[in-house]
Amino acid sequence: MQKLRYAMIVLSMVLCLVTSATAGVSIGIGLPNVSIGINLPIFPELVPVPGYPVYYAPGVDSNYFFYDGMYWVYQNDSWYASSWYNGPWGFVEPSVVPLYILRVPVRYYRQPPVYFRGWQSNAPPRWGQHWGRGWEQQRRGWDRWNRSSVPAPAPLPVYQRQYTGDRYPHVEQQHAIRSQQYRYQPRDKAVQQHFRQVEQKAPAPAQRGRQEAPQQRTPRQPEPQHVAPPQQGAPAGPHTQPPQRGGEHVQQPAPVRAAPQQHAPAVQEQRQQPAATQEQREQQPSRQQGQERRSQDRGASQEHERGRGQGEGQNRDEERGRGRDR
């Protein structure tokens, strides 16, 4: 009978080691990434265990507890912990489970394992018998405490009621939400160790933002504005008319800007404009010759008038001389 008992103890220890290996944890509490089959759609109803700083969930079909700001579940001969009511869960080794969790009476386990049968319902489970003499020596005195100095239970994190279904936060968001809406800090040294380990291993939102930063698109550079090439046959720019001989300056009409829709008429006007300019240039010598002729005619008429005046004066003098002779 004693050999069978030792065999059961060794088998349970092997199961614990296998569970810890699957969780990827060697000591303490593991990274909260273990799925233990608990899927709560809403925040559970938590009821205090009389005489203990622990709550239990009578409506949850599991060994579900809340102590010192964290949730604790005993399932498949292993303990798990989380800072949120629906996980993710981290594996906790038997040697570091908080004492007040171990002291909860058997009657508050909603799904007690088979080996709990025959144990007193108002007493804690016989963990020394289940986990062996080595564990009992390491946790000596775990089932003895001063019942008059039991600490007050931690306040319930009721802020988590609003996070249900699709609104349940991811693990990298849970720490930020909890720090903003739940000011309570664990008092139990074992829970403090678990809590620090969970918070350190949980990815922070800032780190996630730095990882996603290289994937962000750079600001779009302004596209260069392409200037339309000048149309064939259009003048490159306004031409200034060189000064004309004789002091005159021929004023040319300003070029007409064509609308963007009317490309063909604009080209025709631009093509006709040099012709008109050339015609004006051809007329300029004829105008200059006409001016020179007018100036010569004016000079000739003035000389004629002067000669005529001198002839009339001489006639007058001759007439006066003839009158004197008579």
Protein backbone atom coordinates (compact mmCIF):
# COMPACT_ATOMS: atom_id res chain seq x y z
CA MET A 1 0.00 0.00 0.00
CA GLN A 2 2.83 2.36 0.84
CA LYS A 3 4.55 1.60 -2.47
CA LEU A 4 1.35 2.42 -4.35
CA ARG A 5 1.14 5.73 -2.51
CA TYR A 6 4.72 6.60 -3.46
CA ALA A 7 3.96 5.62 -7.04
CA MET A 8 0.98 7.99 -7.08
CA ILE A 9 3.12 10.80 -5.65
CA VAL A 10 5.82 10.25 -8.28
CA LEU A 11 3.18 10.15 -11.03
CA SER A 12 1.64 13.43 -9.87
CA MET A 13 5.07 15.09 -9.78
CA VAL A 14 5.77 13.89 -13.30
CA LEU A 15 2.43 15.33 -14.45
CA CYS A 16 3.33 18.65 -12.87
CA LEU A 17 6.69 18.68 -14.64
CA VAL A 18 5.04 17.84 -17.96
CA THR A 19 2.53 20.66 -17.49
CA SER A 20 5.29 23.15 -16.67
CA ALA A 21 7.24 22.03 -19.73
CA THR A 22 4.24 22.56 -22.00
CA ALA A 23 3.76 26.01 -20.52
CA GLY A 24 7.38 26.86 -21.28
CA VAL A 25 8.14 27.92 -17.66
CA SER A 26 10.80 26.62 -15.30
CA ILE A 27 10.19 28.65 -12.13
CA GLY A 28 7.52 30.89 -10.64
CA ILE A 29 4.66 32.00 -12.82
CA GLY A 30 4.86 31.69 -16.57
CA LEU A 31 4.17 34.09 -19.36
CA PRO A 32 0.38 34.50 -19.66
CA ASN A 33 -0.13 32.49 -22.82
CA VAL A 34 -1.61 29.22 -21.57
CA SER A 35 -5.10 28.14 -22.65
CA ILE A 36 -6.78 26.17 -19.85
CA GLY A 37 -10.21 25.81 -21.43
CA ILE A 38 -11.90 28.64 -19.48
CA ASN A 39 -13.84 31.04 -21.67
CA LEU A 40 -15.96 33.47 -19.65
CA PRO A 41 -18.27 35.67 -21.74
CA ILE A 42 -18.78 38.20 -18.91
CA PHE A 43 -17.21 39.24 -15.65
CA PRO A 44 -18.00 36.47 -13.11
CA GLU A 45 -19.82 36.91 -9.84
CA LEU A 46 -17.29 36.71 -7.02
CA VAL A 47 -18.33 35.87 -3.44
CA PRO A 48 -15.96 36.17 -0.44
CA VAL A 49 -14.96 33.00 1.35
CA PRO A 50 -15.94 33.52 5.02
CA GLY A 51 -12.90 34.10 7.21
CA TYR A 52 -10.46 34.28 4.25
CA PRO A 53 -9.19 37.17 2.09
CA VAL A 54 -10.22 35.16 -0.93
CA TYR A 55 -13.22 35.23 -3.30
CA TYR A 56 -14.64 32.27 -5.22
CA ALA A 57 -16.95 32.12 -8.26
CA PRO A 58 -19.98 29.91 -7.51
CA GLY A 59 -21.38 30.41 -11.02
CA VAL A 60 -18.21 29.24 -12.81
CA ASP A 61 -17.83 25.52 -13.47
CA SER A 62 -14.20 25.56 -12.35
CA ASN A 63 -12.02 26.02 -9.27
CA TYR A 64 -11.93 29.79 -9.73
CA PHE A 65 -10.65 32.23 -7.07
CA PHE A 66 -9.62 35.88 -6.67
CA TYR A 67 -6.95 36.90 -4.18
CA ASP A 68 -4.84 40.02 -3.67
CA GLY A 69 -5.64 41.56 -7.06
CA MET A 70 -5.18 38.43 -9.19
CA TYR A 71 -7.27 35.47 -10.39
CA TRP A 72 -6.30 31.91 -9.51
CA VAL A 73 -7.51 28.66 -11.07
CA TYR A 74 -6.76 25.08 -10.07
CA GLN A 75 -7.23 22.77 -13.03
CA ASN A 76 -5.63 19.52 -14.21
CA ASP A 77 -3.58 19.27 -10.98
CA SER A 78 -1.93 22.64 -11.66
CA TRP A 79 -2.35 26.24 -10.57
CA TYR A 80 -2.70 29.18 -12.99
CA ALA A 81 -2.89 32.93 -12.43
CA SER A 82 -3.94 36.01 -14.38
CA SER A 83 -4.55 39.72 -13.76
CA TRP A 84 -7.72 39.62 -15.94
CA TYR A 85 -10.81 37.51 -15.40
CA ASN A 86 -10.59 35.62 -18.70
CA GLY A 87 -6.84 35.26 -18.97
CA PRO A 88 -4.52 34.64 -20.62
CA TRP A 89 -3.22 32.41 -17.87
CA GLY A 90 0.26 31.69 -16.60
CA PHE A 91 1.38 28.47 -14.99
CA VAL A 92 2.31 28.67 -11.27
CA GLU A 93 4.55 26.10 -9.66
CA PRO A 94 3.26 24.46 -6.46
CA SER A 95 6.19 25.82 -4.45
CA VAL A 96 5.16 29.47 -5.00
CA VAL A 97 1.35 29.32 -4.75
CA PRO A 98 0.18 31.92 -2.17
CA LEU A 99 -0.60 30.43 1.22
CA TYR A 100 -4.12 31.82 1.53
CA ILE A 101 -5.02 30.20 -1.79
CA LEU A 102 -3.76 26.86 -0.47
CA ARG A 103 -5.81 27.32 2.74
CA VAL A 104 -9.24 27.66 1.02
CA PRO A 105 -11.47 24.79 2.25
CA VAL A 106 -12.37 21.93 -0.05
CA ARG A 107 -16.06 22.89 -0.14
CA TYR A 108 -15.31 26.00 -2.26
CA TYR A 109 -13.83 23.98 -5.12
CA ARG A 110 -16.56 23.80 -7.77
CA GLN A 111 -14.77 21.02 -9.68
CA PRO A 112 -12.73 19.11 -7.06
CA PRO A 113 -10.42 16.43 -8.43
CA VAL A 114 -10.96 12.78 -7.61
CA TYR A 115 -8.28 12.59 -4.92
CA PHE A 116 -10.20 15.24 -2.88
CA ARG A 117 -12.77 12.61 -1.99
CA GLY A 118 -12.78 11.65 1.64
CA TRP A 119 -11.14 14.91 2.73
CA GLN A 120 -12.87 17.23 5.17
CA SER A 121 -14.93 19.85 3.35
CA ASN A 122 -14.22 22.59 5.94
CA ALA A 123 -10.45 22.00 5.87
CA PRO A 124 -7.94 22.83 3.17
CA PRO A 125 -6.83 20.12 0.73
CA ARG A 126 -4.01 17.82 1.83
CA TRP A 127 -1.41 19.34 -0.43
CA GLY A 128 1.47 17.67 1.40
CA GLN A 129 -0.05 14.28 0.70
CA HIS A 130 -0.65 15.20 -2.94
CA TRP A 131 2.67 16.91 -3.80
CA GLY A 132 4.97 14.84 -1.61
CA ARG A 133 7.29 15.16 1.32
CA GLY A 134 9.70 17.49 -0.49
CA TRP A 135 7.01 20.06 -1.07
CA GLU A 136 5.77 19.72 2.52
CA GLN A 137 9.24 20.36 3.90
CA GLN A 138 9.62 23.43 1.67
CA ARG A 139 6.21 24.86 2.67
CA ARG A 140 6.33 23.83 6.28
CA GLY A 141 3.57 25.44 8.41
CA TRP A 142 1.41 26.42 5.44
CA ASP A 143 -1.76 25.09 7.15
CA ARG A 144 -1.22 26.96 10.43
CA TRP A 145 -1.99 30.68 10.81
CA ASN A 146 -3.50 33.19 13.19
CA ARG A 147 -7.14 33.47 12.16
CA SER A 148 -7.58 36.73 14.07
CA SER A 149 -5.00 38.54 11.93
CA VAL A 150 -6.31 37.66 8.50
CA PRO A 151 -5.81 40.60 6.11
CA ALA A 152 -8.78 42.30 4.46
CA PRO A 153 -9.67 41.11 0.97
CA ALA A 154 -8.55 43.21 -1.98
CA PRO A 155 -11.17 45.30 -3.80
CA LEU A 156 -12.70 43.61 -6.79
CA PRO A 157 -11.62 44.93 -10.22
CA VAL A 158 -15.17 45.80 -11.26
CA TYR A 159 -13.83 48.00 -14.09
CA GLN A 160 -13.36 44.77 -16.06
CA ARG A 161 -17.13 44.32 -16.37
CA GLN A 162 -17.24 46.66 -19.37
CA TYR A 163 -14.73 44.53 -21.30
CA THR A 164 -16.74 41.62 -22.65
CA GLY A 165 -16.85 39.73 -25.92
CA ASP A 166 -15.02 41.53 -28.69
CA ARG A 167 -14.09 44.37 -26.31
CA TYR A 168 -11.90 42.09 -24.17
CA PRO A 169 -8.38 43.62 -24.41
CA HIS A 170 -5.29 41.90 -25.73
CA VAL A 171 -2.45 41.08 -23.37
CA GLU A 172 -0.42 44.14 -24.44
CA GLN A 173 -3.41 46.40 -23.63
CA GLN A 174 -4.34 44.85 -20.28
CA HIS A 175 -1.47 46.36 -18.32
CA ALA A 176 -2.21 49.93 -19.50
CA ILE A 177 -5.93 49.62 -18.72
CA ARG A 178 -5.31 48.08 -15.32
CA SER A 179 -2.79 50.74 -14.29
CA GLN A 180 -5.28 53.47 -15.19
CA GLN A 181 -8.42 52.02 -13.58
CA TYR A 182 -7.18 49.80 -10.75
CA ARG A 183 -4.86 51.44 -8.22
CA TYR A 184 -4.56 48.47 -5.89
CA GLN A 185 -1.13 46.90 -5.48
CA PRO A 186 -0.60 43.35 -4.14
CA ARG A 187 0.44 43.00 -0.49
CA ASP A 188 1.31 39.34 -0.38
CA LYS A 189 5.00 38.86 -1.22
CA ALA A 190 4.29 35.81 -3.35
CA VAL A 191 1.60 37.68 -5.30
CA GLN A 192 3.93 40.66 -5.72
CA GLN A 193 6.49 38.35 -7.29
CA HIS A 194 3.91 36.86 -9.64
CA PHE A 195 2.53 40.27 -10.56
CA ARG A 196 5.98 41.74 -11.35
CA GLN A 197 6.85 38.72 -13.43
CA VAL A 198 3.63 38.96 -15.43
CA GLU A 199 4.02 42.70 -16.03
CA GLN A 200 7.65 42.35 -17.10
CA LYS A 201 6.94 39.56 -19.57
CA ALA A 202 3.84 41.16 -21.07
CA PRO A 203 4.69 43.18 -24.20
CA ALA A 204 4.24 46.90 -23.70
CA PRO A 205 2.22 49.04 -26.16
CA ALA A 206 5.22 51.33 -26.67
CA GLN A 207 7.40 48.40 -27.76
CA ARG A 208 4.71 47.25 -30.14
CA GLY A 209 4.52 50.78 -31.59
CA ARG A 210 8.30 50.79 -32.14
CA GLN A 211 8.09 47.48 -33.97
CA GLU A 212 5.32 48.75 -36.20
CA ALA A 213 6.96 52.12 -36.79
CA PRO A 214 9.11 50.97 -39.76
CA GLN A 215 5.94 49.80 -41.48
CA GLN A 216 4.40 53.24 -41.37
CA ARG A 217 4.37 55.11 -44.63
CA THR A 218 6.56 58.14 -45.02
CA PRO A 219 4.92 61.47 -45.84
CA ARG A 220 4.14 61.77 -49.50
CA GLN A 221 6.48 64.07 -51.36
CA PRO A 222 4.89 66.74 -53.54
CA GLU A 223 4.90 65.72 -57.14
CA PRO A 224 6.79 68.00 -59.53
CA GLN A 225 4.56 70.07 -61.76
CA HIS A 226 5.15 69.32 -65.40
CA VAL A 227 5.10 72.34 -67.67
CA ALA A 228 3.40 71.71 -70.98
CA PRO A 229 5.81 72.02 -73.94
CA PRO A 230 5.27 75.04 -76.20
CA GLN A 231 3.02 74.37 -79.17
CA GLN A 232 4.55 74.14 -82.56
CA GLY A 233 4.41 77.40 -84.48
CA ALA A 234 3.79 79.55 -81.36
CA PRO A 235 6.26 82.35 -80.60
CA ALA A 236 8.60 81.65 -77.70
CA GLY A 237 7.87 85.00 -76.08
CA PRO A 238 6.77 88.59 -76.73
CA HIS A 239 8.94 90.37 -79.30
CA THR A 240 9.66 94.05 -78.89
CA GLN A 241 9.59 96.10 -82.07
CA PRO A 242 12.92 97.77 -82.76
CA PRO A 243 12.83 101.58 -82.92
CA GLN A 244 11.91 102.90 -86.38
CA ARG A 245 13.64 105.51 -88.39
CA GLY A 246 12.07 108.92 -88.29
CA GLY A 247 11.24 108.68 -84.57
CA GLU A 248 8.06 106.68 -85.07
CA HIS A 249 7.31 103.46 -83.24
CA VAL A 250 4.79 101.06 -84.62
CA GLN A 251 2.72 99.48 -81.84
CA GLN A 252 1.89 95.85 -82.41
CA PRO A 253 -1.25 94.22 -81.03
CA ALA A 254 -0.79 92.16 -77.85
CA PRO A 255 -0.84 88.37 -78.36
CA VAL A 256 -4.20 86.81 -77.60
CA ARG A 257 -4.25 83.91 -75.10
CA ALA A 258 -6.31 81.03 -76.35
CA ALA A 259 -8.55 78.97 -74.08
CA PRO A 260 -7.28 75.46 -73.21
CA GLN A 261 -10.15 73.83 -75.13
CA GLN A 262 -9.57 75.76 -78.35
CA HIS A 263 -6.15 74.60 -79.44
CA ALA A 264 -6.62 74.83 -83.22
CA PRO A 265 -7.78 78.52 -83.39
CA ALA A 266 -5.00 79.54 -81.03
CA VAL A 267 -2.41 78.01 -83.32
CA GLN A 268 -3.92 79.73 -86.36
CA GLU A 269 -3.91 83.13 -84.65
CA GLN A 270 -0.33 82.62 -83.53
CA ARG A 271 0.61 81.64 -87.06
CA GLN A 272 -1.15 84.68 -88.57
CA GLN A 273 0.47 87.12 -86.18
CA PRO A 274 3.97 86.96 -87.70
CA ALA A 275 2.41 87.53 -91.17
CA ALA A 276 0.73 90.74 -89.99
CA THR A 277 3.98 91.87 -88.44
CA GLN A 278 5.87 91.23 -91.66
CA GLU A 279 3.24 93.18 -93.65
CA GLN A 280 3.65 96.12 -91.28
CA ARG A 281 7.38 95.95 -91.72
CA GLU A 282 6.94 96.05 -95.52
CA GLN A 283 4.75 99.16 -95.24
CA GLN A 284 7.27 101.02 -93.08
CA PRO A 285 9.66 102.05 -95.98
CA SER A 286 6.73 103.37 -98.05
CA ARG A 287 5.60 105.47 -95.10
CA GLN A 288 9.09 106.84 -94.60
CA GLN A 289 9.41 107.71 -98.31
CA GLY A 290 6.05 109.51 -98.19
CA GLN A 291 7.24 111.55 -95.23
CA GLU A 292 10.45 112.50 -97.05
CA ARG A 293 8.49 113.56 -100.12
CA ARG A 294 6.16 115.66 -97.98
CA SER A 295 9.11 117.40 -96.36
CA GLN A 296 10.71 118.12 -99.78
CA ASP A 297 7.41 119.51 -101.13
CA ARG A 298 7.10 121.75 -98.09
CA GLY A 299 10.65 123.05 -98.62
CA ALA A 300 10.00 123.73 -102.32
CA SER A 301 6.76 125.60 -101.57
CA GLN A 302 8.52 127.71 -98.96
CA GLU A 303 11.31 128.65 -101.43
CA HIS A 304 8.65 129.43 -104.05
CA GLU A 305 6.86 131.73 -101.62
CA ARG A 306 10.11 133.41 -100.71
CA GLY A 307 11.00 133.95 -104.43
CA ARG A 308 7.58 135.24 -105.14
CA GLY A 309 7.81 137.73 -102.32
CA GLN A 310 11.19 138.97 -103.50
CA GLY A 311 9.80 139.43 -107.08
CA GLU A 312 6.89 141.44 -105.82
CA GLY A 313 9.25 143.64 -103.85
CA GLN A 314 11.38 144.32 -106.91
CA ASN A 315 8.29 145.23 -108.96
CA ARG A 316 7.22 147.66 -106.32
CA ASP A 317 10.63 149.32 -106.29
CA GLU A 318 10.66 149.60 -110.08
CA GLU A 319 7.20 151.21 -110.06
CA ARG A 320 8.30 153.71 -107.44
CA GLY A 321 11.40 154.59 -109.54
CA ARG A 322 9.29 155.16 -112.63
CA GLY A 323 6.99 157.49 -110.73
CA ARG A 324 9.88 159.63 -109.63
CA ASP A 325 11.24 159.91 -113.18
CA ARG A 326 8.01 161.28 -114.39
